[in-house]
Amino acid sequence: MFEKLKNFFVSLTEFNRSFWSANISELFERVAFYGMTSFLVIYLTEVRGIDESLAISVNGNFGLFVYGLPVLSGFIADWLGFRRAIMMAYGVLAVGYFLAGHLTTFWPIMGALFLVAFGASLIKPCITGTVQKTSPAALGAVGFSIYYMLVNIGGFLAPNTTGLVAETYGVENVFLASTVAVLLALVLIFFIFKEPEEAEVDKVAQSLGGFVRNFMTVIKNGRLMLLFLFVAGYWSMFFQFFGALPLYLRTDLGIESERLIGLIISLDALTIVIFQVIVGYLVRNIETGRAVLLGVIISSVGILAMGLHAAVWLVGIGIFFFALGEMTYAAHFYKYLGDMAPKDQVGMYMGFAFLPIAIGSFVSGIIGGPVLELARETLQQPQVAWFIFGGVGAVSALGIALLVYVFPPRETAEETAGPDTGSVDPETPQAMEQPEGQEEDRF
């Protein structure tokens, strides 16, 4: 055991400075991003006077752009080269964060948030692409393990750091803290990062045309679209942690401390950091579809538990169980998606893996405000909102069960395989498959 541990630490020296600078900069970026999103709804409602339902909707639409744009922004990363694209992304993020915290009217704030969404979407393919290109051939899984661990650590640090800032200096200064974090990331890239591989413009131009064909192929696959729809329902529960939850904690549970709100929101990431290796080991041999289904069920139970009673401790338990389900789900979803794809189009399908996450964020914005208002104003029991949010997850579980047991993935893939319409280059960030047994990052 000690020998293996020693070999692991020795292997870390084989990663170059571009790998380390990119990953550490991503940690700063996650601190900025989740630090801001944890208090975005509170900022919009309490500082800028925006209606709660509209604020939650803004949060959902923001996520739609953040997780929907990477499908296209990967082309920009290839065209500019990773170094220039990362620096541009961090520059755009710094401007967006700063303006969002200083502008006072609705549409200018929306414009600033769009800059943040674009910058965040551009970072994703750049960093994951760098990890893939700079990891030694025999250490690819280790490279992605380092990446996933750092972004999850960032996901934990973010709400706690900005919670302290919000409590000490005011919620509007959360955006200034996010600005500083991405500027530190920019400085790190400027002085240390070197381009791992020159972008090939002709290849990008080809990919743009291929993207349109691939997109049409994907959306014509009815079973795949059903999977994306059900998975979107699952992720709609997750995004309530940044939409409805801050308002529920503040207004309905009476938590005034931003630091405590940040700590509660960070429990999901903390659970993943602590238990991801254990859960990954325990679920490693479960068939992919059943593991995805099990993960959705566990997470839904966690959200449903939050509706039993209006109590902070139940919120904590619910988040803990959601995280356990998330780890179970994430360790197998990409493999399940690959099994569902026709054998000659796996890379193409992986390029659209973020689509259900984007849709889930959008759905959370649509239902979050009205559901919370219904539970609070009409039913006089605000905790019931979590029964409804968890119910969406339960419906998603039923749908996934249908796909798993009625339409097994590989059988489905073989039945629906058509002529090859071109696939995304498996070496590009958009098509990259997550190593089996690893947890999904904090996006």
Protein backbone atom coordinates (compact mmCIF):
# COMPACT_ATOMS: atom_id res chain seq x y z
CA MET A 1 0.00 0.00 0.00
CA PHE A 2 2.73 2.45 0.97
CA GLU A 3 4.64 1.54 -2.18
CA LYS A 4 1.59 2.37 -4.31
CA LEU A 5 1.15 5.65 -2.47
CA LYS A 6 4.81 6.47 -3.04
CA ASN A 7 4.47 5.67 -6.75
CA PHE A 8 1.43 7.92 -6.96
CA PHE A 9 3.30 10.91 -5.57
CA VAL A 10 6.26 10.20 -7.81
CA SER A 11 3.93 10.15 -10.81
CA LEU A 12 2.81 13.70 -9.99
CA THR A 13 6.25 14.96 -11.04
CA GLU A 14 5.59 13.74 -14.59
CA PHE A 15 2.92 16.40 -15.18
CA ASN A 16 4.28 19.61 -16.68
CA ARG A 17 3.72 23.20 -15.61
CA SER A 18 0.95 23.78 -18.16
CA PHE A 19 -1.04 20.95 -16.58
CA TRP A 20 -0.61 22.30 -13.05
CA SER A 21 -1.18 25.95 -13.92
CA ALA A 22 -4.35 25.11 -15.86
CA ASN A 23 -5.77 22.97 -13.06
CA ILE A 24 -4.93 25.41 -10.28
CA SER A 25 -6.41 28.24 -12.33
CA GLU A 26 -9.57 26.13 -12.69
CA LEU A 27 -9.73 25.87 -8.90
CA PHE A 28 -9.70 29.68 -8.70
CA GLU A 29 -12.35 29.84 -11.43
CA ARG A 30 -14.62 27.43 -9.57
CA VAL A 31 -14.21 29.48 -6.39
CA ALA A 32 -15.28 32.54 -8.37
CA PHE A 33 -18.15 30.82 -10.17
CA TYR A 34 -19.78 28.89 -7.32
CA GLY A 35 -19.00 31.68 -4.90
CA MET A 36 -21.08 34.01 -7.04
CA THR A 37 -23.89 31.60 -7.94
CA SER A 38 -24.38 30.65 -4.28
CA PHE A 39 -25.50 34.22 -3.55
CA LEU A 40 -26.78 35.37 -6.94
CA VAL A 41 -30.47 34.96 -6.07
CA ILE A 42 -30.04 36.68 -2.69
CA TYR A 43 -28.15 39.52 -4.40
CA LEU A 44 -30.82 39.99 -7.05
CA THR A 45 -33.70 39.98 -4.55
CA GLU A 46 -32.22 41.82 -1.56
CA VAL A 47 -29.81 44.26 -3.19
CA ARG A 48 -31.40 44.92 -6.59
CA GLY A 49 -35.04 44.41 -5.56
CA ILE A 50 -35.90 41.79 -8.18
CA ASP A 51 -38.90 39.51 -7.60
CA GLU A 52 -38.00 36.07 -6.16
CA SER A 53 -39.50 34.07 -9.01
CA LEU A 54 -37.75 36.21 -11.59
CA ALA A 55 -34.46 35.93 -9.72
CA ILE A 56 -34.69 32.12 -9.65
CA SER A 57 -35.58 32.17 -13.35
CA VAL A 58 -32.52 34.32 -14.07
CA ASN A 59 -30.38 31.81 -12.19
CA GLY A 60 -31.83 28.95 -14.27
CA ASN A 61 -31.32 30.74 -17.58
CA PHE A 62 -27.79 31.65 -16.53
CA GLY A 63 -27.02 27.95 -16.08
CA LEU A 64 -28.61 27.18 -19.44
CA PHE A 65 -26.01 29.36 -21.16
CA VAL A 66 -23.12 28.22 -18.98
CA TYR A 67 -23.68 24.53 -19.70
CA GLY A 68 -25.16 24.88 -23.18
CA LEU A 69 -22.48 27.04 -24.77
CA PRO A 70 -19.50 24.65 -24.25
CA VAL A 71 -20.78 22.60 -27.18
CA LEU A 72 -19.88 25.58 -29.39
CA SER A 73 -17.18 27.32 -27.38
CA GLY A 74 -14.88 24.35 -27.85
CA PHE A 75 -14.53 25.46 -31.46
CA ILE A 76 -13.34 28.88 -30.27
CA ALA A 77 -10.80 27.20 -28.00
CA ASP A 78 -9.40 25.19 -30.93
CA TRP A 79 -9.32 28.25 -33.17
CA LEU A 80 -7.56 30.59 -30.74
CA GLY A 81 -5.39 27.99 -29.05
CA PHE A 82 -5.84 27.10 -25.40
CA ARG A 83 -3.57 29.80 -23.94
CA ARG A 84 -5.24 32.70 -25.73
CA ALA A 85 -8.70 31.23 -25.18
CA ILE A 86 -8.12 30.77 -21.44
CA MET A 87 -6.76 34.30 -21.06
CA MET A 88 -9.69 35.69 -23.02
CA ALA A 89 -12.13 33.68 -20.88
CA TYR A 90 -10.64 34.90 -17.62
CA GLY A 91 -10.61 38.47 -18.92
CA VAL A 92 -14.27 38.24 -19.93
CA LEU A 93 -15.12 36.66 -16.57
CA ALA A 94 -13.38 39.43 -14.64
CA VAL A 95 -15.30 42.11 -16.54
CA GLY A 96 -18.57 40.21 -16.18
CA TYR A 97 -18.24 39.61 -12.44
CA PHE A 98 -17.22 43.22 -11.77
CA LEU A 99 -20.07 44.71 -13.80
CA ALA A 100 -22.70 42.33 -12.38
CA GLY A 101 -21.86 43.54 -8.88
CA HIS A 102 -21.90 47.24 -9.77
CA LEU A 103 -24.72 47.66 -12.29
CA THR A 104 -28.09 48.49 -10.77
CA THR A 105 -30.76 47.82 -13.39
CA PHE A 106 -32.10 44.53 -14.69
CA TRP A 107 -30.99 44.29 -18.33
CA PRO A 108 -27.45 45.62 -17.82
CA ILE A 109 -27.03 43.03 -15.04
CA MET A 110 -28.30 40.36 -17.45
CA GLY A 111 -25.69 41.47 -19.98
CA ALA A 112 -22.96 41.17 -17.37
CA LEU A 113 -24.17 37.70 -16.40
CA PHE A 114 -24.08 36.66 -20.05
CA LEU A 115 -20.41 37.66 -20.15
CA VAL A 116 -19.85 35.43 -17.12
CA ALA A 117 -21.75 32.57 -18.77
CA PHE A 118 -19.71 32.87 -21.96
CA GLY A 119 -16.41 33.02 -20.08
CA ALA A 120 -17.32 30.03 -17.92
CA SER A 121 -18.41 28.02 -20.95
CA LEU A 122 -15.13 28.74 -22.74
CA ILE A 123 -12.99 27.65 -19.78
CA LYS A 124 -14.47 24.14 -19.66
CA PRO A 125 -13.15 22.78 -23.00
CA CYS A 126 -9.84 24.62 -22.57
CA ILE A 127 -9.00 23.10 -19.19
CA THR A 128 -10.27 19.60 -19.92
CA GLY A 129 -8.53 19.71 -23.27
CA THR A 130 -5.29 20.76 -21.59
CA VAL A 131 -5.59 17.90 -19.10
CA GLN A 132 -6.01 15.45 -21.94
CA LYS A 133 -3.14 16.85 -24.03
CA THR A 134 -0.63 17.31 -21.20
CA SER A 135 -1.24 14.12 -19.19
CA PRO A 136 1.42 11.45 -19.86
CA ALA A 137 -0.02 8.55 -21.86
CA ALA A 138 0.00 6.12 -18.93
CA LEU A 139 -1.36 8.68 -16.45
CA GLY A 140 -4.51 9.94 -18.15
CA ALA A 141 -6.82 8.68 -15.40
CA VAL A 142 -4.56 10.21 -12.74
CA GLY A 143 -4.62 13.52 -14.58
CA PHE A 144 -8.39 13.63 -14.62
CA SER A 145 -8.55 12.51 -10.99
CA ILE A 146 -6.42 15.53 -10.05
CA TYR A 147 -8.65 17.77 -12.14
CA TYR A 148 -11.87 16.45 -10.59
CA MET A 149 -10.48 16.72 -7.07
CA LEU A 150 -9.34 20.32 -7.51
CA VAL A 151 -12.63 21.52 -8.98
CA ASN A 152 -14.58 19.81 -6.21
CA ILE A 153 -12.34 21.46 -3.64
CA GLY A 154 -13.09 24.73 -5.39
CA GLY A 155 -16.79 23.90 -5.20
CA PHE A 156 -16.46 23.49 -1.44
CA LEU A 157 -14.30 26.56 -0.80
CA ALA A 158 -16.42 28.86 -2.96
CA PRO A 159 -19.65 29.30 -0.90
CA ASN A 160 -17.67 29.41 2.34
CA THR A 161 -15.28 32.07 1.08
CA THR A 162 -17.93 34.29 -0.43
CA GLY A 163 -20.24 33.63 2.52
CA LEU A 164 -17.61 35.20 4.74
CA VAL A 165 -17.22 38.11 2.30
CA ALA A 166 -20.99 38.63 2.11
CA GLU A 167 -21.41 38.59 5.88
CA THR A 168 -18.51 40.94 6.48
CA TYR A 169 -18.71 43.38 3.57
CA GLY A 170 -22.14 42.88 1.98
CA VAL A 171 -23.57 40.50 -0.63
CA GLU A 172 -22.68 42.82 -3.53
CA ASN A 173 -18.98 42.38 -2.73
CA VAL A 174 -19.23 38.67 -3.53
CA PHE A 175 -18.83 39.73 -7.17
CA LEU A 176 -15.66 41.63 -6.33
CA ALA A 177 -14.26 38.51 -4.64
CA SER A 178 -15.06 36.50 -7.77
CA THR A 179 -13.33 39.14 -9.89
CA VAL A 180 -10.19 38.88 -7.78
CA ALA A 181 -10.23 35.07 -8.00
CA VAL A 182 -10.35 34.99 -11.81
CA LEU A 183 -7.70 37.71 -12.06
CA LEU A 184 -5.40 35.51 -9.98
CA ALA A 185 -6.16 32.69 -12.40
CA LEU A 186 -5.34 34.99 -15.32
CA VAL A 187 -1.97 35.96 -13.81
CA LEU A 188 -1.14 32.29 -13.25
CA ILE A 189 -1.87 31.43 -16.89
CA PHE A 190 -0.02 34.48 -18.23
CA PHE A 191 3.24 33.71 -16.45
CA ILE A 192 3.28 29.90 -16.34
CA PHE A 193 1.01 28.30 -18.94
CA LYS A 194 2.39 27.27 -22.33
CA GLU A 195 0.29 26.16 -25.29
CA PRO A 196 0.22 22.33 -25.28
CA GLU A 197 -0.59 22.09 -28.96
CA GLU A 198 -1.24 24.59 -31.74
CA ALA A 199 -4.83 24.84 -32.92
CA GLU A 200 -5.58 23.71 -36.44
CA VAL A 201 -7.91 26.24 -38.07
CA ASP A 202 -8.82 24.02 -41.03
CA LYS A 203 -9.80 21.24 -38.65
CA VAL A 204 -12.02 23.67 -36.74
CA ALA A 205 -13.76 24.82 -39.90
CA GLN A 206 -14.46 21.17 -40.73
CA SER A 207 -15.75 20.59 -37.22
CA LEU A 208 -18.24 23.47 -37.46
CA GLY A 209 -19.92 21.82 -40.42
CA GLY A 210 -19.72 18.45 -38.71
CA PHE A 211 -21.28 19.91 -35.58
CA VAL A 212 -24.50 20.79 -37.41
CA ARG A 213 -24.75 17.27 -38.88
CA ASN A 214 -23.97 15.70 -35.52
CA PHE A 215 -26.54 17.84 -33.74
CA MET A 216 -29.27 16.81 -36.16
CA THR A 217 -28.28 13.15 -35.76
CA VAL A 218 -28.48 13.37 -31.98
CA ILE A 219 -31.84 15.12 -31.77
CA LYS A 220 -33.36 12.62 -34.20
CA ASN A 221 -32.58 9.79 -31.77
CA GLY A 222 -35.80 9.60 -29.76
CA ARG A 223 -34.46 7.33 -27.04
CA LEU A 224 -31.45 9.57 -26.50
CA MET A 225 -33.67 12.62 -26.25
CA LEU A 226 -35.78 10.81 -23.65
CA LEU A 227 -32.62 10.04 -21.68
CA PHE A 228 -31.57 13.69 -21.84
CA LEU A 229 -35.03 14.80 -20.75
CA PHE A 230 -35.09 12.46 -17.75
CA VAL A 231 -31.54 13.36 -16.76
CA ALA A 232 -32.46 17.04 -17.07
CA GLY A 233 -35.17 16.43 -14.47
CA TYR A 234 -32.49 14.99 -12.21
CA TRP A 235 -30.21 18.02 -12.60
CA SER A 236 -33.12 20.38 -11.99
CA MET A 237 -32.97 19.19 -8.37
CA PHE A 238 -29.27 20.06 -8.14
CA PHE A 239 -29.74 23.60 -9.44
CA GLN A 240 -32.36 24.33 -6.78
CA PHE A 241 -29.38 24.44 -4.40
CA PHE A 242 -28.51 27.77 -6.07
CA GLY A 243 -32.04 28.90 -6.91
CA ALA A 244 -34.68 28.11 -4.31
CA LEU A 245 -32.43 26.93 -1.47
CA PRO A 246 -30.74 30.26 -0.56
CA LEU A 247 -34.16 31.95 -0.36
CA TYR A 248 -35.63 29.01 1.58
CA LEU A 249 -32.79 29.16 4.10
CA ARG A 250 -33.01 32.94 4.38
CA THR A 251 -36.75 33.58 4.41
CA ASP A 252 -38.34 30.36 5.64
CA LEU A 253 -35.72 28.98 8.01
CA GLY A 254 -34.63 32.41 9.23
CA ILE A 255 -30.89 32.06 8.63
CA GLU A 256 -29.38 35.54 8.58
CA SER A 257 -25.75 34.48 8.43
CA GLU A 258 -24.41 34.38 4.87
CA ARG A 259 -21.50 32.35 6.18
CA LEU A 260 -23.87 29.60 7.38
CA ILE A 261 -25.83 29.69 4.11
CA GLY A 262 -22.56 29.24 2.22
CA LEU A 263 -21.56 26.34 4.44
CA ILE A 264 -24.87 24.55 3.90
CA ILE A 265 -24.67 24.96 0.12
CA SER A 266 -21.08 23.66 0.13
CA LEU A 267 -22.08 20.36 1.83
CA ASP A 268 -22.68 18.74 -1.56
CA ALA A 269 -19.13 19.42 -2.76
CA LEU A 270 -17.64 18.54 0.65
CA THR A 271 -19.40 15.16 0.64
CA ILE A 272 -18.02 14.44 -2.83
CA VAL A 273 -14.46 15.38 -1.83
CA ILE A 274 -14.59 13.07 1.21
CA PHE A 275 -16.52 10.10 -0.15
CA GLN A 276 -15.91 10.03 -3.92
CA VAL A 277 -13.22 7.32 -3.77
CA ILE A 278 -15.28 5.12 -1.43
CA VAL A 279 -18.52 5.44 -3.41
CA GLY A 280 -16.70 4.97 -6.70
CA TYR A 281 -15.23 1.73 -5.39
CA LEU A 282 -18.55 0.43 -4.04
CA VAL A 283 -20.49 1.05 -7.26
CA ARG A 284 -17.72 0.14 -9.73
CA ASN A 285 -19.24 -3.24 -10.68
CA ILE A 286 -22.90 -2.19 -10.94
CA GLU A 287 -24.28 -2.30 -14.49
CA THR A 288 -24.18 1.23 -15.92
CA GLY A 289 -27.89 1.82 -16.45
CA ARG A 290 -28.82 0.45 -13.03
CA ALA A 291 -26.13 2.59 -11.38
CA VAL A 292 -27.47 5.73 -13.07
CA LEU A 293 -30.98 4.79 -11.93
CA LEU A 294 -29.78 4.07 -8.38
CA GLY A 295 -28.04 7.43 -8.24
CA VAL A 296 -31.14 9.31 -9.34
CA ILE A 297 -33.27 7.44 -6.77
CA ILE A 298 -30.86 8.19 -3.90
CA SER A 299 -30.64 11.86 -4.83
CA SER A 300 -34.43 12.14 -5.15
CA VAL A 301 -34.88 10.58 -1.69
CA GLY A 302 -32.51 13.21 -0.31
CA ILE A 303 -34.51 16.07 -1.82
CA LEU A 304 -37.80 14.53 -0.72
CA ALA A 305 -36.45 14.26 2.84
CA MET A 306 -35.97 18.02 2.91
CA GLY A 307 -39.74 18.35 2.57
CA LEU A 308 -40.57 16.37 5.71
CA HIS A 309 -40.10 19.32 8.02
CA ALA A 310 -38.84 22.91 7.88
CA ALA A 311 -35.50 22.33 9.60
CA VAL A 312 -31.87 23.10 8.81
CA TRP A 313 -30.71 19.64 9.89
CA LEU A 314 -33.05 18.01 7.37
CA VAL A 315 -31.62 20.24 4.65
CA GLY A 316 -28.14 19.02 5.59
CA ILE A 317 -29.23 15.36 5.50
CA GLY A 318 -30.98 15.89 2.17
CA ILE A 319 -27.90 17.47 0.59
CA PHE A 320 -25.73 14.63 1.92
CA PHE A 321 -27.93 11.97 0.33
CA PHE A 322 -28.19 13.96 -2.88
CA ALA A 323 -24.38 13.99 -3.06
CA LEU A 324 -24.23 10.21 -2.52
CA GLY A 325 -26.66 9.77 -5.39
CA GLU A 326 -24.73 12.25 -7.51
CA MET A 327 -21.51 10.29 -7.05
CA THR A 328 -23.25 7.02 -7.93
CA TYR A 329 -24.83 8.57 -10.99
CA ALA A 330 -21.74 10.43 -12.21
CA ALA A 331 -19.46 7.40 -11.98
CA HIS A 332 -21.54 5.65 -14.67
CA PHE A 333 -23.52 8.17 -16.73
CA TYR A 334 -20.89 8.75 -19.41
CA LYS A 335 -20.38 5.02 -19.81
CA TYR A 336 -24.15 4.55 -20.09
CA LEU A 337 -24.36 7.32 -22.68
CA GLY A 338 -21.56 5.67 -24.63
CA ASP A 339 -23.38 2.32 -24.49
CA MET A 340 -26.54 3.94 -25.82
CA ALA A 341 -24.70 5.50 -28.78
CA PRO A 342 -24.19 3.66 -32.05
CA LYS A 343 -20.73 2.10 -31.91
CA ASP A 344 -19.32 4.37 -34.61
CA GLN A 345 -20.72 7.58 -33.07
CA VAL A 346 -19.70 7.38 -29.41
CA GLY A 347 -17.42 10.42 -29.59
CA MET A 348 -20.17 12.52 -31.16
CA TYR A 349 -22.64 11.59 -28.41
CA MET A 350 -20.11 12.53 -25.72
CA GLY A 351 -19.94 15.98 -27.23
CA PHE A 352 -23.52 16.59 -26.15
CA ALA A 353 -23.19 15.25 -22.60
CA PHE A 354 -23.65 18.72 -21.09
CA LEU A 355 -26.95 19.30 -22.88
CA PRO A 356 -29.17 17.69 -20.19
CA ILE A 357 -27.35 19.69 -17.51
CA ALA A 358 -28.13 22.90 -19.39
CA ILE A 359 -31.78 21.87 -19.77
CA GLY A 360 -31.92 20.93 -16.08
CA SER A 361 -30.74 24.39 -15.08
CA PHE A 362 -33.37 25.96 -17.33
CA VAL A 363 -36.12 23.77 -15.84
CA SER A 364 -35.03 24.64 -12.31
CA GLY A 365 -35.44 28.33 -13.14
CA ILE A 366 -38.93 27.80 -14.54
CA ILE A 367 -40.36 25.79 -11.64
CA GLY A 368 -38.32 27.08 -8.69
CA GLY A 369 -40.07 30.39 -8.05
CA PRO A 370 -43.69 29.30 -8.64
CA VAL A 371 -43.25 26.12 -6.59
CA LEU A 372 -41.69 27.98 -3.66
CA GLU A 373 -44.43 30.61 -3.81
CA LEU A 374 -47.15 27.93 -3.93
CA ALA A 375 -45.75 26.09 -0.93
CA ARG A 376 -45.19 29.28 1.03
CA GLU A 377 -48.27 31.37 0.20
CA THR A 378 -50.98 28.84 -0.65
CA LEU A 379 -50.05 25.76 1.36
CA GLN A 380 -48.44 27.70 4.22
CA GLN A 381 -45.76 25.00 4.38
CA PRO A 382 -42.65 26.16 2.50
CA GLN A 383 -40.85 22.85 3.03
CA VAL A 384 -43.41 21.16 0.76
CA ALA A 385 -41.60 22.77 -2.18
CA TRP A 386 -38.89 20.14 -1.74
CA PHE A 387 -41.49 17.36 -2.11
CA ILE A 388 -42.31 18.82 -5.51
CA PHE A 389 -38.66 19.26 -6.51
CA GLY A 390 -37.97 15.70 -5.36
CA GLY A 391 -41.05 14.54 -7.25
CA VAL A 392 -39.46 15.75 -10.47
CA GLY A 393 -36.49 13.53 -9.65
CA ALA A 394 -38.81 10.60 -8.91
CA VAL A 395 -40.44 11.01 -12.33
CA SER A 396 -36.97 11.11 -13.86
CA ALA A 397 -36.14 7.86 -12.07
CA LEU A 398 -39.26 6.21 -13.51
CA GLY A 399 -38.30 7.35 -16.99
CA ILE A 400 -34.73 6.11 -16.64
CA ALA A 401 -36.05 2.78 -15.31
CA LEU A 402 -38.10 2.48 -18.50
CA LEU A 403 -35.02 3.05 -20.64
CA VAL A 404 -32.87 0.69 -18.57
CA TYR A 405 -35.24 -2.24 -18.37
CA VAL A 406 -37.29 -1.89 -21.54
CA PHE A 407 -34.59 -0.54 -23.88
CA PRO A 408 -31.16 -1.82 -22.80
CA PRO A 409 -28.49 0.61 -24.01
CA ARG A 410 -26.38 -1.46 -26.40
CA GLU A 411 -29.41 -3.22 -27.83
CA THR A 412 -30.99 0.17 -28.36
CA ALA A 413 -27.86 1.51 -29.99
CA GLU A 414 -27.69 -1.36 -32.44
CA GLU A 415 -31.34 -1.00 -33.32
CA THR A 416 -31.09 2.74 -34.00
CA ALA A 417 -27.66 2.92 -35.62
CA GLY A 418 -27.83 4.60 -39.01
CA PRO A 419 -25.30 5.69 -41.60
CA ASP A 420 -22.23 7.47 -40.28
CA THR A 421 -22.78 11.21 -40.46
CA GLY A 422 -19.40 12.09 -39.08
CA SER A 423 -18.26 12.24 -35.51
CA VAL A 424 -16.42 14.71 -33.37
CA ASP A 425 -12.70 14.02 -33.18
CA PRO A 426 -12.25 11.93 -30.00
CA GLU A 427 -9.19 14.00 -29.17
CA THR A 428 -11.20 17.22 -28.92
CA PRO A 429 -12.51 18.37 -25.53
CA GLN A 430 -16.12 18.12 -26.70
CA ALA A 431 -15.84 14.41 -27.35
CA MET A 432 -13.75 13.43 -24.39
CA GLU A 433 -15.12 10.54 -22.33
CA GLN A 434 -14.81 10.67 -18.58
CA PRO A 435 -12.68 7.86 -17.17
CA GLU A 436 -14.89 5.17 -15.70
CA GLY A 437 -15.15 5.24 -11.94
CA GLN A 438 -14.31 8.94 -11.64
CA GLU A 439 -16.74 11.51 -10.32
CA GLU A 440 -18.16 14.25 -12.43
CA ASP A 441 -16.59 17.60 -11.61
CA ARG A 442 -18.45 20.61 -10.26
CA PHE A 443 -19.01 21.55 -13.87
